[in-house]
Amino acid sequence: TIVSPNITGSITAYPDTVVCANTNVLLVAPACAGCTYQWSNGGTNDSITVTTTGIYLLTVTDVNGCSKVMFIHITVTPGPNTVITNNGADKFCLGGYTYLSAFYSVNYL
């Protein structure tokens, strides 16, 4: 008897597969009752949290012993170098104000 893996779906990344630096990414395996999990980072749960760019492999083994290997690519991008410039007074009284500015780019949110 030939048994095929009873595993469907793919790895899901929360919040996304491309994130800014210092963002935790939760990788979640597809639902599979009774399955075991082996991640390339050594994790054995149905989910792991990652913080670095890389390709993460997952081997899911069902109750019949059939395995499916899947992967997901996570990209962590550094944030922009932000410089805030004071264009006004360095000192001012309570209730006063100054003018601060930062470089603008349409690529910044």
PDB file of N, CA and C in Angstrom:
ATOM      1  N   THR A   1       0.841  -1.178   0.000  1.00  0.00           N
ATOM      2  CA  THR A   1       0.000   0.000   0.000  1.00  0.00           C
ATOM      3  C   THR A   1       0.881   1.234   0.000  1.00  0.00           C
ATOM      4  N   ILE A   2       0.566   2.139  -0.898  1.00  0.00           N
ATOM      5  CA  ILE A   2       1.282   3.411  -0.961  1.00  0.00           C
ATOM      6  C   ILE A   2       0.412   4.472  -0.310  1.00  0.00           C
ATOM      7  N   VAL A   3       0.984   5.162   0.662  1.00  0.00           N
ATOM      8  CA  VAL A   3       0.264   6.211   1.384  1.00  0.00           C
ATOM      9  C   VAL A   3       0.948   7.538   1.100  1.00  0.00           C
ATOM     10  N   SER A   4       0.158   8.501   0.656  1.00  0.00           N
ATOM     11  CA  SER A   4       0.741   9.826   0.428  1.00  0.00           C
ATOM     12  C   SER A   4       0.550  10.676   1.679  1.00  0.00           C
ATOM     13  N   PRO A   5       1.413  11.678   1.866  1.00  0.00           N
ATOM     14  CA  PRO A   5       1.295  12.531   3.056  1.00  0.00           C
ATOM     15  C   PRO A   5      -0.078  13.204   3.123  1.00  0.00           C
ATOM     16  N   ASN A   6      -0.649  13.220   4.302  1.00  0.00           N
ATOM     17  CA  ASN A   6      -1.944  13.856   4.528  1.00  0.00           C
ATOM     18  C   ASN A   6      -1.717  15.277   5.051  1.00  0.00           C
ATOM     19  N   ILE A   7      -0.864  16.021   4.348  1.00  0.00           N
ATOM     20  CA  ILE A   7      -0.451  17.356   4.790  1.00  0.00           C
ATOM     21  C   ILE A   7      -0.740  18.338   3.661  1.00  0.00           C
ATOM     22  N   THR A   8      -1.557  19.342   3.934  1.00  0.00           N
ATOM     23  CA  THR A   8      -1.856  20.353   2.928  1.00  0.00           C
ATOM     24  C   THR A   8      -1.552  21.730   3.489  1.00  0.00           C
ATOM     25  N   GLY A   9      -1.356  22.674   2.610  1.00  0.00           N
ATOM     26  CA  GLY A   9      -1.088  24.044   3.029  1.00  0.00           C
ATOM     27  C   GLY A   9       0.386  24.371   3.009  1.00  0.00           C
ATOM     28  N   SER A  10       0.690  25.522   3.526  1.00  0.00           N
ATOM     29  CA  SER A  10       2.073  25.998   3.537  1.00  0.00           C
ATOM     30  C   SER A  10       2.323  26.780   4.823  1.00  0.00           C
ATOM     31  N   ILE A  11       3.567  27.175   5.016  1.00  0.00           N
ATOM     32  CA  ILE A  11       3.951  27.970   6.186  1.00  0.00           C
ATOM     33  C   ILE A  11       3.380  29.380   6.022  1.00  0.00           C
ATOM     34  N   THR A  12       2.867  29.924   7.105  1.00  0.00           N
ATOM     35  CA  THR A  12       2.348  31.295   7.100  1.00  0.00           C
ATOM     36  C   THR A  12       3.223  32.152   8.005  1.00  0.00           C
ATOM     37  N   ALA A  13       3.522  33.377   7.548  1.00  0.00           N
ATOM     38  CA  ALA A  13       4.353  34.308   8.318  1.00  0.00           C
ATOM     39  C   ALA A  13       3.502  35.473   8.813  1.00  0.00           C
ATOM     40  N   TYR A  14       3.612  35.769  10.111  1.00  0.00           N
ATOM     41  CA  TYR A  14       2.904  36.902  10.715  1.00  0.00           C
ATOM     42  C   TYR A  14       3.914  37.843  11.336  1.00  0.00           C
ATOM     43  N   PRO A  15       4.031  39.127  11.007  1.00  0.00           N
ATOM     44  CA  PRO A  15       3.070  39.858  10.217  1.00  0.00           C
ATOM     45  C   PRO A  15       3.252  39.710   8.711  1.00  0.00           C
ATOM     46  N   ASP A  16       4.448  39.343   8.236  1.00  0.00           N
ATOM     47  CA  ASP A  16       4.686  39.231   6.794  1.00  0.00           C
ATOM     48  C   ASP A  16       6.027  38.553   6.571  1.00  0.00           C
ATOM     49  N   THR A  17       6.380  38.310   5.294  1.00  0.00           N
ATOM     50  CA  THR A  17       7.668  37.699   4.969  1.00  0.00           C
ATOM     51  C   THR A  17       8.770  38.742   4.793  1.00  0.00           C
ATOM     52  N   VAL A  18       8.396  40.006   4.662  1.00  0.00           N
ATOM     53  CA  VAL A  18       9.368  41.107   4.581  1.00  0.00           C
ATOM     54  C   VAL A  18       9.026  42.076   5.704  1.00  0.00           C
ATOM     55  N   VAL A  19       9.984  42.277   6.613  1.00  0.00           N
ATOM     56  CA  VAL A  19       9.736  43.116   7.789  1.00  0.00           C
ATOM     57  C   VAL A  19      10.932  44.014   8.062  1.00  0.00           C
ATOM     58  N   CYS A  20      10.724  45.006   8.900  1.00  0.00           N
ATOM     59  CA  CYS A  20      11.813  45.886   9.332  1.00  0.00           C
ATOM     60  C   CYS A  20      12.619  45.209  10.443  1.00  0.00           C
ATOM     61  N   ALA A  21      13.827  45.686  10.635  1.00  0.00           N
ATOM     62  CA  ALA A  21      14.692  45.166  11.692  1.00  0.00           C
ATOM     63  C   ALA A  21      13.982  45.249  13.035  1.00  0.00           C
ATOM     64  N   ASN A  22      14.343  44.354  13.936  1.00  0.00           N
ATOM     65  CA  ASN A  22      13.784  44.280  15.289  1.00  0.00           C
ATOM     66  C   ASN A  22      12.306  43.893  15.321  1.00  0.00           C
ATOM     67  N   THR A  23      11.858  43.191  14.289  1.00  0.00           N
ATOM     68  CA  THR A  23      10.481  42.710  14.235  1.00  0.00           C
ATOM     69  C   THR A  23      10.484  41.195  14.387  1.00  0.00           C
ATOM     70  N   ASN A  24       9.680  40.687  15.303  1.00  0.00           N
ATOM     71  CA  ASN A  24       9.514  39.245  15.441  1.00  0.00           C
ATOM     72  C   ASN A  24       8.568  38.755  14.354  1.00  0.00           C
ATOM     73  N   VAL A  25       8.940  37.650  13.697  1.00  0.00           N
ATOM     74  CA  VAL A  25       8.085  37.032  12.686  1.00  0.00           C
ATOM     75  C   VAL A  25       7.684  35.652  13.201  1.00  0.00           C
ATOM     76  N   LEU A  26       6.391  35.433  13.312  1.00  0.00           N
ATOM     77  CA  LEU A  26       5.871  34.144  13.749  1.00  0.00           C
ATOM     78  C   LEU A  26       5.620  33.293  12.518  1.00  0.00           C
ATOM     79  N   LEU A  27       6.307  32.157  12.430  1.00  0.00           N
ATOM     80  CA  LEU A  27       6.106  31.213  11.331  1.00  0.00           C
ATOM     81  C   LEU A  27       5.227  30.090  11.844  1.00  0.00           C
ATOM     82  N   VAL A  28       4.117  29.850  11.147  1.00  0.00           N
ATOM     83  CA  VAL A  28       3.132  28.867  11.585  1.00  0.00           C
ATOM     84  C   VAL A  28       2.989  27.785  10.519  1.00  0.00           C
ATOM     85  N   ALA A  29       3.136  26.539  10.950  1.00  0.00           N
ATOM     86  CA  ALA A  29       2.982  25.388  10.054  1.00  0.00           C
ATOM     87  C   ALA A  29       1.511  25.200   9.704  1.00  0.00           C
ATOM     88  N   PRO A  30       1.239  24.536   8.577  1.00  0.00           N
ATOM     89  CA  PRO A  30      -0.163  24.243   8.261  1.00  0.00           C
ATOM     90  C   PRO A  30      -0.756  23.286   9.297  1.00  0.00           C
ATOM     91  N   ALA A  31      -2.060  23.409   9.521  1.00  0.00           N
ATOM     92  CA  ALA A  31      -2.735  22.549  10.497  1.00  0.00           C
ATOM     93  C   ALA A  31      -2.642  21.089  10.054  1.00  0.00           C
ATOM     94  N   CYS A  32      -2.339  20.212  11.008  1.00  0.00           N
ATOM     95  CA  CYS A  32      -2.188  18.790  10.703  1.00  0.00           C
ATOM     96  C   CYS A  32      -2.338  18.001  12.002  1.00  0.00           C
ATOM     97  N   ALA A  33      -3.472  17.367  12.183  1.00  0.00           N
ATOM     98  CA  ALA A  33      -3.748  16.617  13.406  1.00  0.00           C
ATOM     99  C   ALA A  33      -2.773  15.452  13.563  1.00  0.00           C
ATOM    100  N   GLY A  34      -2.124  15.387  14.715  1.00  0.00           N
ATOM    101  CA  GLY A  34      -1.228  14.279  15.025  1.00  0.00           C
ATOM    102  C   GLY A  34       0.134  14.344  14.360  1.00  0.00           C
ATOM    103  N   CYS A  35       0.427  15.426  13.672  1.00  0.00           N
ATOM    104  CA  CYS A  35       1.708  15.547  12.968  1.00  0.00           C
ATOM    105  C   CYS A  35       2.831  15.951  13.926  1.00  0.00           C
ATOM    106  N   THR A  36       4.062  15.678  13.500  1.00  0.00           N
ATOM    107  CA  THR A  36       5.238  16.172  14.199  1.00  0.00           C
ATOM    108  C   THR A  36       5.937  17.171  13.282  1.00  0.00           C
ATOM    109  N   TYR A  37       6.715  18.074  13.902  1.00  0.00           N
ATOM    110  CA  TYR A  37       7.329  19.172  13.167  1.00  0.00           C
ATOM    111  C   TYR A  37       8.814  19.231  13.468  1.00  0.00           C
ATOM    112  N   GLN A  38       9.593  19.511  12.439  1.00  0.00           N
ATOM    113  CA  GLN A  38      11.032  19.713  12.619  1.00  0.00           C
ATOM    114  C   GLN A  38      11.445  20.898  11.760  1.00  0.00           C
ATOM    115  N   TRP A  39      11.793  22.009  12.416  1.00  0.00           N
ATOM    116  CA  TRP A  39      12.235  23.223  11.726  1.00  0.00           C
ATOM    117  C   TRP A  39      13.748  23.186  11.553  1.00  0.00           C
ATOM    118  N   SER A  40      14.246  23.917  10.577  1.00  0.00           N
ATOM    119  CA  SER A  40      15.690  23.957  10.315  1.00  0.00           C
ATOM    120  C   SER A  40      16.467  24.612  11.449  1.00  0.00           C
ATOM    121  N   ASN A  41      15.806  25.376  12.316  1.00  0.00           N
ATOM    122  CA  ASN A  41      16.502  25.986  13.459  1.00  0.00           C
ATOM    123  C   ASN A  41      16.440  25.098  14.700  1.00  0.00           C
ATOM    124  N   GLY A  42      15.900  23.874  14.556  1.00  0.00           N
ATOM    125  CA  GLY A  42      15.837  22.934  15.667  1.00  0.00           C
ATOM    126  C   GLY A  42      14.500  22.899  16.385  1.00  0.00           C
ATOM    127  N   GLY A  43      13.601  23.819  16.076  1.00  0.00           N
ATOM    128  CA  GLY A  43      12.292  23.851  16.719  1.00  0.00           C
ATOM    129  C   GLY A  43      11.460  22.629  16.361  1.00  0.00           C
ATOM    130  N   THR A  44      10.619  22.209  17.311  1.00  0.00           N
ATOM    131  CA  THR A  44       9.775  21.036  17.077  1.00  0.00           C
ATOM    132  C   THR A  44       8.290  21.322  17.334  1.00  0.00           C
ATOM    133  N   ASN A  45       7.930  22.583  17.509  1.00  0.00           N
ATOM    134  CA  ASN A  45       6.527  22.961  17.674  1.00  0.00           C
ATOM    135  C   ASN A  45       5.917  23.279  16.317  1.00  0.00           C
ATOM    136  N   ASP A  46       4.621  23.560  16.293  1.00  0.00           N
ATOM    137  CA  ASP A  46       3.967  23.900  15.029  1.00  0.00           C
ATOM    138  C   ASP A  46       4.212  25.351  14.617  1.00  0.00           C
ATOM    139  N   SER A  47       4.951  26.100  15.443  1.00  0.00           N
ATOM    140  CA  SER A  47       5.314  27.470  15.091  1.00  0.00           C
ATOM    141  C   SER A  47       6.645  27.833  15.739  1.00  0.00           C
ATOM    142  N   ILE A  48       7.322  28.787  15.116  1.00  0.00           N
ATOM    143  CA  ILE A  48       8.566  29.334  15.663  1.00  0.00           C
ATOM    144  C   ILE A  48       8.550  30.842  15.447  1.00  0.00           C
ATOM    145  N   THR A  49       9.369  31.550  16.201  1.00  0.00           N
ATOM    146  CA  THR A  49       9.538  32.988  16.020  1.00  0.00           C
ATOM    147  C   THR A  49      10.965  33.229  15.541  1.00  0.00           C
ATOM    148  N   VAL A  50      11.093  34.020  14.455  1.00  0.00           N
ATOM    149  CA  VAL A  50      12.410  34.330  13.902  1.00  0.00           C
ATOM    150  C   VAL A  50      12.580  35.839  13.805  1.00  0.00           C
ATOM    151  N   THR A  51      13.839  36.277  13.737  1.00  0.00           N
ATOM    152  CA  THR A  51      14.131  37.713  13.672  1.00  0.00           C
ATOM    153  C   THR A  51      15.175  38.060  12.625  1.00  0.00           C
ATOM    154  N   THR A  52      15.639  37.061  11.864  1.00  0.00           N
ATOM    155  CA  THR A  52      16.705  37.307  10.895  1.00  0.00           C
ATOM    156  C   THR A  52      16.316  36.833   9.506  1.00  0.00           C
ATOM    157  N   THR A  53      16.955  37.441   8.519  1.00  0.00           N
ATOM    158  CA  THR A  53      16.761  37.034   7.131  1.00  0.00           C
ATOM    159  C   THR A  53      17.216  35.597   6.959  1.00  0.00           C
ATOM    160  N   GLY A  54      16.468  34.834   6.198  1.00  0.00           N
ATOM    161  CA  GLY A  54      16.883  33.469   5.922  1.00  0.00           C
ATOM    162  C   GLY A  54      15.784  32.651   5.286  1.00  0.00           C
ATOM    163  N   ILE A  55      16.159  31.452   4.886  1.00  0.00           N
ATOM    164  CA  ILE A  55      15.214  30.469   4.377  1.00  0.00           C
ATOM    165  C   ILE A  55      15.012  29.456   5.491  1.00  0.00           C
ATOM    166  N   TYR A  56      13.778  29.297   5.920  1.00  0.00           N
ATOM    167  CA  TYR A  56      13.447  28.402   7.022  1.00  0.00           C
ATOM    168  C   TYR A  56      12.733  27.174   6.469  1.00  0.00           C
ATOM    169  N   LEU A  57      13.317  26.012   6.722  1.00  0.00           N
ATOM    170  CA  LEU A  57      12.761  24.747   6.256  1.00  0.00           C
ATOM    171  C   LEU A  57      11.943  24.111   7.359  1.00  0.00           C
ATOM    172  N   LEU A  58      10.910  23.398   6.956  1.00  0.00           N
ATOM    173  CA  LEU A  58      10.058  22.685   7.891  1.00  0.00           C
ATOM    174  C   LEU A  58       9.738  21.313   7.316  1.00  0.00           C
ATOM    175  N   THR A  59       9.954  20.278   8.119  1.00  0.00           N
ATOM    176  CA  THR A  59       9.531  18.928   7.753  1.00  0.00           C
ATOM    177  C   THR A  59       8.359  18.569   8.648  1.00  0.00           C
ATOM    178  N   VAL A  60       7.230  18.289   8.015  1.00  0.00           N
ATOM    179  CA  VAL A  60       6.023  17.879   8.744  1.00  0.00           C
ATOM    180  C   VAL A  60       5.823  16.393   8.456  1.00  0.00           C
ATOM    181  N   THR A  61       5.674  15.601   9.526  1.00  0.00           N
ATOM    182  CA  THR A  61       5.467  14.159   9.381  1.00  0.00           C
ATOM    183  C   THR A  61       4.096  13.814   9.951  1.00  0.00           C
ATOM    184  N   ASP A  62       3.263  13.151   9.118  1.00  0.00           N
ATOM    185  CA  ASP A  62       1.917  12.809   9.565  1.00  0.00           C
ATOM    186  C   ASP A  62       1.901  11.494  10.344  1.00  0.00           C
ATOM    187  N   VAL A  63       0.728  11.097  10.807  1.00  0.00           N
ATOM    188  CA  VAL A  63       0.599   9.907  11.647  1.00  0.00           C
ATOM    189  C   VAL A  63       0.957   8.615  10.912  1.00  0.00           C
ATOM    190  N   ASN A  64       0.980   8.639   9.570  1.00  0.00           N
ATOM    191  CA  ASN A  64       1.374   7.473   8.782  1.00  0.00           C
ATOM    192  C   ASN A  64       2.877   7.393   8.568  1.00  0.00           C
ATOM    193  N   GLY A  65       3.603   8.411   9.054  1.00  0.00           N
ATOM    194  CA  GLY A  65       5.046   8.451   8.866  1.00  0.00           C
ATOM    195  C   GLY A  65       5.472   9.100   7.565  1.00  0.00           C
ATOM    196  N   CYS A  66       4.504   9.639   6.821  1.00  0.00           N
ATOM    197  CA  CYS A  66       4.824  10.329   5.564  1.00  0.00           C
ATOM    198  C   CYS A  66       5.205  11.775   5.865  1.00  0.00           C
ATOM    199  N   SER A  67       6.224  12.262   5.161  1.00  0.00           N
ATOM    200  CA  SER A  67       6.736  13.606   5.411  1.00  0.00           C
ATOM    201  C   SER A  67       6.556  14.514   4.214  1.00  0.00           C
ATOM    202  N   LYS A  68       6.423  15.778   4.515  1.00  0.00           N
ATOM    203  CA  LYS A  68       6.397  16.829   3.502  1.00  0.00           C
ATOM    204  C   LYS A  68       7.369  17.901   3.959  1.00  0.00           C
ATOM    205  N   VAL A  69       8.251  18.336   3.057  1.00  0.00           N
ATOM    206  CA  VAL A  69       9.211  19.391   3.362  1.00  0.00           C
ATOM    207  C   VAL A  69       8.745  20.662   2.664  1.00  0.00           C
ATOM    208  N   MET A  70       8.753  21.759   3.401  1.00  0.00           N
ATOM    209  CA  MET A  70       8.374  23.049   2.834  1.00  0.00           C
ATOM    210  C   MET A  70       9.332  24.113   3.358  1.00  0.00           C
ATOM    211  N   PHE A  71       9.313  25.264   2.723  1.00  0.00           N
ATOM    212  CA  PHE A  71      10.199  26.340   3.171  1.00  0.00           C
ATOM    213  C   PHE A  71       9.521  27.684   2.987  1.00  0.00           C
ATOM    214  N   ILE A  72      10.078  28.691   3.673  1.00  0.00           N
ATOM    215  CA  ILE A  72       9.623  30.067   3.533  1.00  0.00           C
ATOM    216  C   ILE A  72      10.847  30.969   3.637  1.00  0.00           C
ATOM    217  N   HIS A  73      10.876  32.013   2.837  1.00  0.00           N
ATOM    218  CA  HIS A  73      11.984  32.970   2.851  1.00  0.00           C
ATOM    219  C   HIS A  73      11.538  34.228   3.585  1.00  0.00           C
ATOM    220  N   ILE A  74      12.304  34.608   4.608  1.00  0.00           N
ATOM    221  CA  ILE A  74      12.028  35.813   5.390  1.00  0.00           C
ATOM    222  C   ILE A  74      13.123  36.833   5.100  1.00  0.00           C
ATOM    223  N   THR A  75      12.719  38.073   4.843  1.00  0.00           N
ATOM    224  CA  THR A  75      13.666  39.157   4.595  1.00  0.00           C
ATOM    225  C   THR A  75      13.481  40.230   5.663  1.00  0.00           C
ATOM    226  N   VAL A  76      14.549  40.516   6.381  1.00  0.00           N
ATOM    227  CA  VAL A  76      14.541  41.574   7.394  1.00  0.00           C
ATOM    228  C   VAL A  76      15.353  42.733   6.830  1.00  0.00           C
ATOM    229  N   THR A  77      14.700  43.885   6.693  1.00  0.00           N
ATOM    230  CA  THR A  77      15.365  45.046   6.116  1.00  0.00           C
ATOM    231  C   THR A  77      15.718  46.041   7.211  1.00  0.00           C
ATOM    232  N   PRO A  78      16.880  46.678   7.103  1.00  0.00           N
ATOM    233  CA  PRO A  78      17.236  47.685   8.106  1.00  0.00           C
ATOM    234  C   PRO A  78      16.363  48.916   7.925  1.00  0.00           C
ATOM    235  N   GLY A  79      16.103  49.593   9.003  1.00  0.00           N
ATOM    236  CA  GLY A  79      15.336  50.835   8.926  1.00  0.00           C
ATOM    237  C   GLY A  79      16.180  51.942   8.317  1.00  0.00           C
ATOM    238  N   PRO A  80      15.546  53.019   7.910  1.00  0.00           N
ATOM    239  CA  PRO A  80      16.299  54.124   7.314  1.00  0.00           C
ATOM    240  C   PRO A  80      17.128  54.827   8.381  1.00  0.00           C
ATOM    241  N   ASN A  81      18.227  55.422   7.939  1.00  0.00           N
ATOM    242  CA  ASN A  81      19.020  56.259   8.833  1.00  0.00           C
ATOM    243  C   ASN A  81      18.314  57.606   8.934  1.00  0.00           C
ATOM    244  N   THR A  82      17.774  57.886  10.080  1.00  0.00           N
ATOM    245  CA  THR A  82      17.001  59.103  10.261  1.00  0.00           C
ATOM    246  C   THR A  82      17.834  60.148  10.996  1.00  0.00           C
ATOM    247  N   VAL A  83      17.856  61.322  10.439  1.00  0.00           N
ATOM    248  CA  VAL A  83      18.538  62.443  11.075  1.00  0.00           C
ATOM    249  C   VAL A  83      17.499  63.533  11.287  1.00  0.00           C
ATOM    250  N   ILE A  84      17.339  63.943  12.529  1.00  0.00           N
ATOM    251  CA  ILE A  84      16.418  65.035  12.846  1.00  0.00           C
ATOM    252  C   ILE A  84      17.255  66.283  13.048  1.00  0.00           C
ATOM    253  N   THR A  85      16.880  67.333  12.345  1.00  0.00           N
ATOM    254  CA  THR A  85      17.614  68.587  12.393  1.00  0.00           C
ATOM    255  C   THR A  85      16.778  69.645  13.093  1.00  0.00           C
ATOM    256  N   ASN A  86      17.406  70.365  14.012  1.00  0.00           N
ATOM    257  CA  ASN A  86      16.749  71.481  14.671  1.00  0.00           C
ATOM    258  C   ASN A  86      16.997  72.721  13.832  1.00  0.00           C
ATOM    259  N   ASN A  87      15.921  73.265  13.263  1.00  0.00           N
ATOM    260  CA  ASN A  87      16.020  74.459  12.423  1.00  0.00           C
ATOM    261  C   ASN A  87      15.590  75.719  13.166  1.00  0.00           C
ATOM    262  N   GLY A  88      15.439  75.591  14.475  1.00  0.00           N
ATOM    263  CA  GLY A  88      15.005  76.741  15.276  1.00  0.00           C
ATOM    264  C   GLY A  88      15.938  76.945  16.451  1.00  0.00           C
ATOM    265  N   ALA A  89      15.393  77.490  17.497  1.00  0.00           N
ATOM    266  CA  ALA A  89      16.174  77.791  18.690  1.00  0.00           C
ATOM    267  C   ALA A  89      16.528  76.525  19.441  1.00  0.00           C
ATOM    268  N   ASP A  90      17.763  76.490  20.006  1.00  0.00           N
ATOM    269  CA  ASP A  90      18.182  75.345  20.823  1.00  0.00           C
ATOM    270  C   ASP A  90      17.586  75.432  22.221  1.00  0.00           C
ATOM    271  N   LYS A  91      17.326  76.629  22.674  1.00  0.00           N
ATOM    272  CA  LYS A  91      16.735  76.856  23.996  1.00  0.00           C
ATOM    273  C   LYS A  91      15.524  77.750  23.826  1.00  0.00           C
ATOM    274  N   PHE A  92      14.486  77.440  24.610  1.00  0.00           N
ATOM    275  CA  PHE A  92      13.303  78.283  24.571  1.00  0.00           C
ATOM    276  C   PHE A  92      12.532  78.101  25.870  1.00  0.00           C
ATOM    277  N   CYS A  93      11.683  79.062  26.169  1.00  0.00           N
ATOM    278  CA  CYS A  93      10.910  79.056  27.409  1.00  0.00           C
ATOM    279  C   CYS A  93       9.713  78.113  27.292  1.00  0.00           C
ATOM    280  N   LEU A  94       9.191  77.737  28.455  1.00  0.00           N
ATOM    281  CA  LEU A  94       7.986  76.919  28.512  1.00  0.00           C
ATOM    282  C   LEU A  94       6.899  77.583  27.689  1.00  0.00           C
ATOM    283  N   GLY A  95       6.277  76.831  26.801  1.00  0.00           N
ATOM    284  CA  GLY A  95       5.265  77.383  25.908  1.00  0.00           C
ATOM    285  C   GLY A  95       5.848  77.842  24.590  1.00  0.00           C
ATOM    286  N   GLY A  96       7.180  77.878  24.500  1.00  0.00           N
ATOM    287  CA  GLY A  96       7.838  78.255  23.258  1.00  0.00           C
ATOM    288  C   GLY A  96       7.890  77.076  22.296  1.00  0.00           C
ATOM    289  N   TYR A  97       8.599  77.216  21.222  1.00  0.00           N
ATOM    290  CA  TYR A  97       8.676  76.159  20.220  1.00  0.00           C
ATOM    291  C   TYR A  97       9.968  76.260  19.432  1.00  0.00           C
ATOM    292  N   THR A  98      10.230  75.232  18.683  1.00  0.00           N
ATOM    293  CA  THR A  98      11.354  75.206  17.754  1.00  0.00           C
ATOM    294  C   THR A  98      10.888  74.461  16.512  1.00  0.00           C
ATOM    295  N   TYR A  99      11.707  74.404  15.500  1.00  0.00           N
ATOM    296  CA  TYR A  99      11.354  73.718  14.255  1.00  0.00           C
ATOM    297  C   TYR A  99      12.285  72.535  14.045  1.00  0.00           C
ATOM    298  N   LEU A 100      11.700  71.335  14.010  1.00  0.00           N
ATOM    299  CA  LEU A 100      12.467  70.127  13.745  1.00  0.00           C
ATOM    300  C   LEU A 100      12.105  69.605  12.369  1.00  0.00           C
ATOM    301  N   SER A 101      13.089  69.058  11.666  1.00  0.00           N
ATOM    302  CA  SER A 101      12.801  68.482  10.351  1.00  0.00           C
ATOM    303  C   SER A 101      13.602  67.195  10.180  1.00  0.00           C
ATOM    304  N   ALA A 102      13.103  66.335   9.316  1.00  0.00           N
ATOM    305  CA  ALA A 102      13.772  65.075   8.991  1.00  0.00           C
ATOM    306  C   ALA A 102      13.679  64.882   7.487  1.00  0.00           C
ATOM    307  N   PHE A 103      14.638  64.148   6.929  1.00  0.00           N
ATOM    308  CA  PHE A 103      14.638  63.857   5.509  1.00  0.00           C
ATOM    309  C   PHE A 103      13.369  63.091   5.163  1.00  0.00           C
ATOM    310  N   TYR A 104      12.731  63.445   4.065  1.00  0.00           N
ATOM    311  CA  TYR A 104      11.500  62.787   3.628  1.00  0.00           C
ATOM    312  C   TYR A 104      11.767  61.937   2.404  1.00  0.00           C
ATOM    313  N   SER A 105      11.160  60.773   2.377  1.00  0.00           N
ATOM    314  CA  SER A 105      11.207  59.911   1.202  1.00  0.00           C
ATOM    315  C   SER A 105       9.853  59.244   1.062  1.00  0.00           C
ATOM    316  N   VAL A 106       9.379  59.068  -0.153  1.00  0.00           N
ATOM    317  CA  VAL A 106       8.101  58.391  -0.371  1.00  0.00           C
ATOM    318  C   VAL A 106       8.176  56.927   0.050  1.00  0.00           C
ATOM    319  N   ASN A 107       9.393  56.398   0.263  1.00  0.00           N
ATOM    320  CA  ASN A 107       9.552  55.010   0.683  1.00  0.00           C
ATOM    321  C   ASN A 107       9.377  54.823   2.182  1.00  0.00           C
ATOM    322  N   TYR A 108       9.313  55.937   2.932  1.00  0.00           N
ATOM    323  CA  TYR A 108       9.128  55.859   4.373  1.00  0.00           C
ATOM    324  C   TYR A 108       7.654  55.872   4.691  1.00  0.00           C
ATOM    325  N   LEU A 109       7.274  55.119   5.691  1.00  0.00           N
ATOM    326  CA  LEU A 109       5.854  55.113   6.107  1.00  0.00           C
ATOM    327  C   LEU A 109       5.659  56.115   7.199  1.00  0.00           C
TER     328      LEU A 109
END
